Amino acid sequence: MSLRDTLNTIVESVDGSLAALIMAYDGIPIDEVTVEQSEFDMQMLSVEYASVLKEIKRAVDIIKMGNLEEVIITTTRTCVVVRVLVDDFFAALIMDRNGNIGKGRYMLKLKSFEVLQELS
């Protein structure tokens, strides 16, 4: 299965999904699948969140609490579930605020192995 197919599977499986993406911490997108009706600028959102995630990862490293695995950012309009893949890349699922967050977390974790195989 290709990286895009895996991202499509995640988006199609989770109610309320707006986009799924793979990105490097430096803000460079690897691949992305977006639902057509999304009103958000996914590129700007993903670049800004990559910057925030880099700082969170740095803080986790400083306090030596283990490796960062997952971050969930919830706003009044969206929920973003981020799953760390390797030191350089993360996967993110952007959902409507009322999307199925639990299933989104599950699908990102479940499909992370497939994504890693495609990135190798």
N, C-alpha and C. Protein backbone atom coordinates (compact mmCIF):
# COMPACT_ATOMS: atom_id res chain seq x y z
N MET A 1 0.85 -1.18 0.00
CA MET A 1 0.00 0.00 0.00
C MET A 1 0.89 1.24 0.00
N SER A 2 0.54 2.25 -0.79
CA SER A 2 1.34 3.48 -0.85
C SER A 2 1.04 4.37 0.35
N LEU A 3 1.89 5.33 0.55
CA LEU A 3 1.72 6.27 1.65
C LEU A 3 0.39 7.02 1.52
N ARG A 4 0.08 7.45 0.33
CA ARG A 4 -1.19 8.16 0.08
C ARG A 4 -2.39 7.26 0.36
N ASP A 5 -2.30 5.99 -0.04
CA ASP A 5 -3.39 5.04 0.24
C ASP A 5 -3.60 4.87 1.74
N THR A 6 -2.50 4.79 2.49
CA THR A 6 -2.59 4.65 3.94
C THR A 6 -3.25 5.87 4.56
N LEU A 7 -2.85 7.06 4.11
CA LEU A 7 -3.46 8.29 4.62
C LEU A 7 -4.95 8.36 4.26
N ASN A 8 -5.27 7.94 3.03
CA ASN A 8 -6.69 7.90 2.62
C ASN A 8 -7.49 6.96 3.51
N THR A 9 -6.93 5.82 3.83
CA THR A 9 -7.61 4.85 4.70
C THR A 9 -7.91 5.47 6.06
N ILE A 10 -6.95 6.19 6.60
CA ILE A 10 -7.15 6.84 7.90
C ILE A 10 -8.28 7.87 7.81
N VAL A 11 -8.22 8.74 6.81
CA VAL A 11 -9.23 9.79 6.66
C VAL A 11 -10.62 9.20 6.44
N GLU A 12 -10.71 8.17 5.61
CA GLU A 12 -12.01 7.57 5.31
C GLU A 12 -12.57 6.77 6.49
N SER A 13 -11.71 6.33 7.39
CA SER A 13 -12.14 5.51 8.52
C SER A 13 -12.62 6.30 9.73
N VAL A 14 -12.26 7.57 9.80
CA VAL A 14 -12.54 8.36 11.00
C VAL A 14 -13.55 9.46 10.68
N ASP A 15 -14.70 9.40 11.34
CA ASP A 15 -15.73 10.43 11.16
C ASP A 15 -15.19 11.79 11.57
N GLY A 16 -15.45 12.79 10.73
CA GLY A 16 -15.03 14.16 11.03
C GLY A 16 -13.64 14.50 10.56
N SER A 17 -12.96 13.59 9.86
CA SER A 17 -11.59 13.86 9.39
C SER A 17 -11.60 14.98 8.35
N LEU A 18 -10.62 15.86 8.46
CA LEU A 18 -10.43 16.92 7.48
C LEU A 18 -9.17 16.69 6.65
N ALA A 19 -8.15 16.10 7.29
CA ALA A 19 -6.88 15.84 6.59
C ALA A 19 -6.03 14.89 7.41
N ALA A 20 -5.14 14.20 6.72
CA ALA A 20 -4.11 13.39 7.35
C ALA A 20 -2.82 13.72 6.61
N LEU A 21 -1.74 13.82 7.37
CA LEU A 21 -0.48 14.19 6.73
C LEU A 21 0.70 13.57 7.44
N ILE A 22 1.78 13.49 6.69
CA ILE A 22 3.08 13.09 7.22
C ILE A 22 3.98 14.29 7.01
N MET A 23 4.70 14.66 8.06
CA MET A 23 5.51 15.86 7.98
C MET A 23 6.80 15.71 8.76
N ALA A 24 7.81 16.42 8.32
CA ALA A 24 9.07 16.49 9.06
C ALA A 24 8.96 17.62 10.07
N TYR A 25 9.73 17.54 11.13
CA TYR A 25 9.71 18.57 12.17
C TYR A 25 10.18 19.92 11.66
N ASP A 26 10.88 19.94 10.55
CA ASP A 26 11.33 21.22 9.99
C ASP A 26 10.24 21.89 9.15
N GLY A 27 9.05 21.28 9.11
CA GLY A 27 7.92 21.88 8.40
C GLY A 27 7.76 21.43 6.96
N ILE A 28 8.60 20.52 6.52
CA ILE A 28 8.50 20.03 5.15
C ILE A 28 7.48 18.90 5.08
N PRO A 29 6.41 19.08 4.29
CA PRO A 29 5.40 18.02 4.17
C PRO A 29 5.93 16.87 3.31
N ILE A 30 5.65 15.65 3.74
CA ILE A 30 6.04 14.47 2.98
C ILE A 30 4.88 14.03 2.08
N ASP A 31 3.69 13.96 2.68
CA ASP A 31 2.48 13.64 1.91
C ASP A 31 1.28 14.09 2.72
N GLU A 32 0.16 14.31 2.02
CA GLU A 32 -1.03 14.83 2.66
C GLU A 32 -2.27 14.41 1.88
N VAL A 33 -3.32 14.11 2.61
CA VAL A 33 -4.63 13.85 2.01
C VAL A 33 -5.60 14.78 2.70
N THR A 34 -6.33 15.57 1.91
CA THR A 34 -7.26 16.55 2.47
C THR A 34 -8.67 16.29 1.93
N VAL A 35 -9.65 16.43 2.82
CA VAL A 35 -11.05 16.34 2.42
C VAL A 35 -11.39 17.63 1.67
N GLU A 36 -12.11 17.52 0.57
CA GLU A 36 -12.39 18.67 -0.29
C GLU A 36 -13.04 19.85 0.42
N GLN A 37 -13.98 19.60 1.32
CA GLN A 37 -14.72 20.70 1.92
C GLN A 37 -14.00 21.39 3.07
N SER A 38 -12.75 21.06 3.31
CA SER A 38 -12.02 21.68 4.41
C SER A 38 -11.82 23.17 4.15
N GLU A 39 -12.15 23.98 5.14
CA GLU A 39 -12.03 25.43 5.02
C GLU A 39 -10.72 25.97 5.58
N PHE A 40 -9.88 25.10 6.14
CA PHE A 40 -8.64 25.52 6.77
C PHE A 40 -7.48 25.46 5.80
N ASP A 41 -6.50 26.33 6.01
CA ASP A 41 -5.27 26.30 5.24
C ASP A 41 -4.38 25.23 5.88
N MET A 42 -4.45 24.02 5.35
CA MET A 42 -3.75 22.88 5.96
C MET A 42 -2.25 23.07 5.94
N GLN A 43 -1.72 23.72 4.90
CA GLN A 43 -0.28 23.91 4.84
C GLN A 43 0.18 24.82 5.98
N MET A 44 -0.51 25.92 6.20
CA MET A 44 -0.13 26.83 7.28
C MET A 44 -0.33 26.15 8.64
N LEU A 45 -1.44 25.45 8.81
CA LEU A 45 -1.71 24.75 10.06
C LEU A 45 -0.60 23.74 10.37
N SER A 46 -0.23 22.95 9.38
CA SER A 46 0.77 21.91 9.62
C SER A 46 2.16 22.49 9.88
N VAL A 47 2.53 23.56 9.21
CA VAL A 47 3.83 24.19 9.45
C VAL A 47 3.89 24.78 10.85
N GLU A 48 2.83 25.46 11.26
CA GLU A 48 2.81 26.07 12.60
C GLU A 48 2.81 25.00 13.69
N TYR A 49 2.04 23.94 13.50
CA TYR A 49 2.01 22.87 14.49
C TYR A 49 3.34 22.12 14.54
N ALA A 50 4.03 22.01 13.40
CA ALA A 50 5.35 21.36 13.39
C ALA A 50 6.31 22.14 14.28
N SER A 51 6.22 23.45 14.24
CA SER A 51 7.07 24.29 15.08
C SER A 51 6.75 24.06 16.56
N VAL A 52 5.47 24.01 16.90
CA VAL A 52 5.06 23.77 18.28
C VAL A 52 5.51 22.39 18.74
N LEU A 53 5.35 21.40 17.88
CA LEU A 53 5.73 20.02 18.24
C LEU A 53 7.23 19.90 18.46
N LYS A 54 8.01 20.63 17.69
CA LYS A 54 9.46 20.60 17.89
C LYS A 54 9.80 21.10 19.29
N GLU A 55 9.12 22.14 19.74
CA GLU A 55 9.35 22.67 21.09
C GLU A 55 8.88 21.70 22.17
N ILE A 56 7.73 21.06 21.95
CA ILE A 56 7.25 20.06 22.92
C ILE A 56 8.24 18.91 23.01
N LYS A 57 8.71 18.45 21.87
CA LYS A 57 9.69 17.35 21.84
C LYS A 57 10.96 17.74 22.58
N ARG A 58 11.42 18.97 22.39
CA ARG A 58 12.61 19.45 23.08
C ARG A 58 12.39 19.48 24.59
N ALA A 59 11.22 19.95 25.00
CA ALA A 59 10.91 20.01 26.44
C ALA A 59 10.87 18.61 27.04
N VAL A 60 10.28 17.66 26.34
CA VAL A 60 10.23 16.27 26.83
C VAL A 60 11.64 15.71 26.96
N ASP A 61 12.51 16.02 26.01
CA ASP A 61 13.90 15.56 26.07
C ASP A 61 14.63 16.17 27.28
N ILE A 62 14.38 17.45 27.54
CA ILE A 62 15.06 18.14 28.65
C ILE A 62 14.65 17.55 30.00
N ILE A 63 13.36 17.27 30.17
CA ILE A 63 12.91 16.77 31.47
C ILE A 63 13.05 15.25 31.60
N LYS A 64 13.50 14.61 30.53
CA LYS A 64 13.82 13.18 30.54
C LYS A 64 12.66 12.32 31.05
N MET A 65 11.50 12.52 30.44
CA MET A 65 10.30 11.75 30.82
C MET A 65 10.01 10.62 29.82
N GLY A 66 10.96 10.31 28.97
CA GLY A 66 10.75 9.29 27.95
C GLY A 66 10.63 9.94 26.59
N ASN A 67 10.27 9.14 25.61
CA ASN A 67 10.13 9.64 24.25
C ASN A 67 8.71 10.13 24.00
N LEU A 68 8.59 11.22 23.28
CA LEU A 68 7.29 11.75 22.89
C LEU A 68 6.63 10.77 21.93
N GLU A 69 5.39 10.41 22.19
CA GLU A 69 4.65 9.49 21.32
C GLU A 69 3.45 10.14 20.65
N GLU A 70 2.70 10.95 21.41
CA GLU A 70 1.45 11.48 20.88
C GLU A 70 1.13 12.81 21.53
N VAL A 71 0.54 13.69 20.74
CA VAL A 71 0.07 14.98 21.22
C VAL A 71 -1.30 15.22 20.61
N ILE A 72 -2.23 15.73 21.42
CA ILE A 72 -3.55 16.09 20.93
C ILE A 72 -3.76 17.57 21.21
N ILE A 73 -4.09 18.31 20.16
CA ILE A 73 -4.37 19.74 20.29
C ILE A 73 -5.83 19.95 19.91
N THR A 74 -6.60 20.45 20.87
CA THR A 74 -8.02 20.66 20.65
C THR A 74 -8.33 22.15 20.74
N THR A 75 -9.03 22.66 19.74
CA THR A 75 -9.49 24.04 19.74
C THR A 75 -11.02 24.03 19.66
N THR A 76 -11.61 25.19 19.60
CA THR A 76 -13.07 25.26 19.51
C THR A 76 -13.59 24.75 18.17
N ARG A 77 -12.72 24.64 17.17
CA ARG A 77 -13.16 24.19 15.84
C ARG A 77 -12.52 22.89 15.36
N THR A 78 -11.34 22.56 15.87
CA THR A 78 -10.64 21.37 15.38
C THR A 78 -10.01 20.56 16.51
N CYS A 79 -9.64 19.35 16.15
CA CYS A 79 -8.84 18.50 17.01
C CYS A 79 -7.74 17.92 16.13
N VAL A 80 -6.51 18.05 16.57
CA VAL A 80 -5.38 17.52 15.81
C VAL A 80 -4.70 16.46 16.67
N VAL A 81 -4.63 15.25 16.13
CA VAL A 81 -3.94 14.16 16.81
C VAL A 81 -2.62 13.95 16.07
N VAL A 82 -1.53 14.03 16.81
CA VAL A 82 -0.20 13.88 16.23
C VAL A 82 0.45 12.64 16.81
N ARG A 83 1.01 11.82 15.95
CA ARG A 83 1.71 10.60 16.36
C ARG A 83 3.15 10.69 15.85
N VAL A 84 4.11 10.61 16.74
CA VAL A 84 5.52 10.63 16.35
C VAL A 84 5.83 9.30 15.68
N LEU A 85 6.47 9.37 14.52
CA LEU A 85 6.85 8.14 13.78
C LEU A 85 8.30 7.77 14.08
N VAL A 86 9.19 8.68 13.83
CA VAL A 86 10.62 8.54 14.13
C VAL A 86 11.12 9.93 14.55
N ASP A 87 12.40 10.05 14.83
CA ASP A 87 12.93 11.33 15.29
C ASP A 87 12.65 12.49 14.34
N ASP A 88 12.54 12.23 13.05
CA ASP A 88 12.41 13.30 12.07
C ASP A 88 10.99 13.52 11.55
N PHE A 89 10.09 12.54 11.72
CA PHE A 89 8.77 12.62 11.10
C PHE A 89 7.64 12.36 12.07
N PHE A 90 6.49 12.97 11.78
CA PHE A 90 5.28 12.69 12.54
C PHE A 90 4.09 12.59 11.59
N ALA A 91 3.05 11.92 12.04
CA ALA A 91 1.79 11.84 11.31
C ALA A 91 0.78 12.65 12.09
N ALA A 92 -0.12 13.32 11.38
CA ALA A 92 -1.15 14.10 12.04
C ALA A 92 -2.49 13.85 11.36
N LEU A 93 -3.52 13.79 12.17
CA LEU A 93 -4.89 13.69 11.69
C LEU A 93 -5.61 14.93 12.19
N ILE A 94 -6.11 15.73 11.26
CA ILE A 94 -6.85 16.94 11.60
C ILE A 94 -8.33 16.62 11.43
N MET A 95 -9.08 16.88 12.51
CA MET A 95 -10.51 16.53 12.51
C MET A 95 -11.34 17.73 12.92
N ASP A 96 -12.60 17.67 12.54
CA ASP A 96 -13.59 18.58 13.07
C ASP A 96 -13.66 18.37 14.57
N ARG A 97 -14.01 19.38 15.32
CA ARG A 97 -14.07 19.31 16.79
C ARG A 97 -14.93 18.14 17.27
N ASN A 98 -15.95 17.81 16.51
CA ASN A 98 -16.87 16.73 16.89
C ASN A 98 -16.51 15.39 16.26
N GLY A 99 -15.32 15.30 15.66
CA GLY A 99 -14.87 14.05 15.06
C GLY A 99 -14.60 12.99 16.11
N ASN A 100 -14.41 11.78 15.65
CA ASN A 100 -14.18 10.64 16.54
C ASN A 100 -12.70 10.59 16.95
N ILE A 101 -12.38 11.29 18.01
CA ILE A 101 -10.99 11.42 18.46
C ILE A 101 -10.39 10.06 18.83
N GLY A 102 -11.16 9.25 19.53
CA GLY A 102 -10.66 7.94 19.94
C GLY A 102 -10.28 7.08 18.75
N LYS A 103 -11.14 7.06 17.74
CA LYS A 103 -10.83 6.25 16.56
C LYS A 103 -9.67 6.87 15.78
N GLY A 104 -9.58 8.19 15.79
CA GLY A 104 -8.46 8.85 15.13
C GLY A 104 -7.13 8.46 15.75
N ARG A 105 -7.08 8.46 17.09
CA ARG A 105 -5.87 8.02 17.79
C ARG A 105 -5.53 6.58 17.44
N TYR A 106 -6.56 5.73 17.45
CA TYR A 106 -6.37 4.31 17.16
C TYR A 106 -5.84 4.11 15.74
N MET A 107 -6.44 4.78 14.77
CA MET A 107 -6.03 4.59 13.38
C MET A 107 -4.60 5.09 13.14
N LEU A 108 -4.24 6.22 13.74
CA LEU A 108 -2.86 6.69 13.58
C LEU A 108 -1.86 5.70 14.17
N LYS A 109 -2.18 5.17 15.33
CA LYS A 109 -1.29 4.19 15.95
C LYS A 109 -1.23 2.91 15.12
N LEU A 110 -2.39 2.44 14.68
CA LEU A 110 -2.47 1.21 13.89
C LEU A 110 -1.71 1.32 12.57
N LYS A 111 -1.85 2.44 11.90
CA LYS A 111 -1.26 2.61 10.57
C LYS A 111 0.17 3.15 10.60
N SER A 112 0.69 3.49 11.79
CA SER A 112 2.03 4.06 11.85
C SER A 112 3.10 3.09 11.33
N PHE A 113 2.90 1.79 11.55
CA PHE A 113 3.87 0.82 11.04
C PHE A 113 3.89 0.83 9.51
N GLU A 114 2.72 0.89 8.88
CA GLU A 114 2.65 0.94 7.42
C GLU A 114 3.31 2.21 6.89
N VAL A 115 3.06 3.32 7.56
CA VAL A 115 3.67 4.59 7.15
C VAL A 115 5.19 4.50 7.25
N LEU A 116 5.70 3.93 8.34
CA LEU A 116 7.14 3.79 8.50
C LEU A 116 7.75 2.92 7.40
N GLN A 117 7.04 1.86 7.01
CA GLN A 117 7.54 1.02 5.92
C GLN A 117 7.62 1.80 4.62
N GLU A 118 6.64 2.64 4.35
CA GLU A 118 6.65 3.44 3.14
C GLU A 118 7.75 4.51 3.16
N LEU A 119 8.06 5.02 4.34
CA LEU A 119 9.11 6.04 4.45
C LEU A 119 10.50 5.46 4.33
N SER A 120 10.65 4.16 4.56
CA SER A 120 11.97 3.52 4.51
C SER A 120 12.46 3.31 3.11
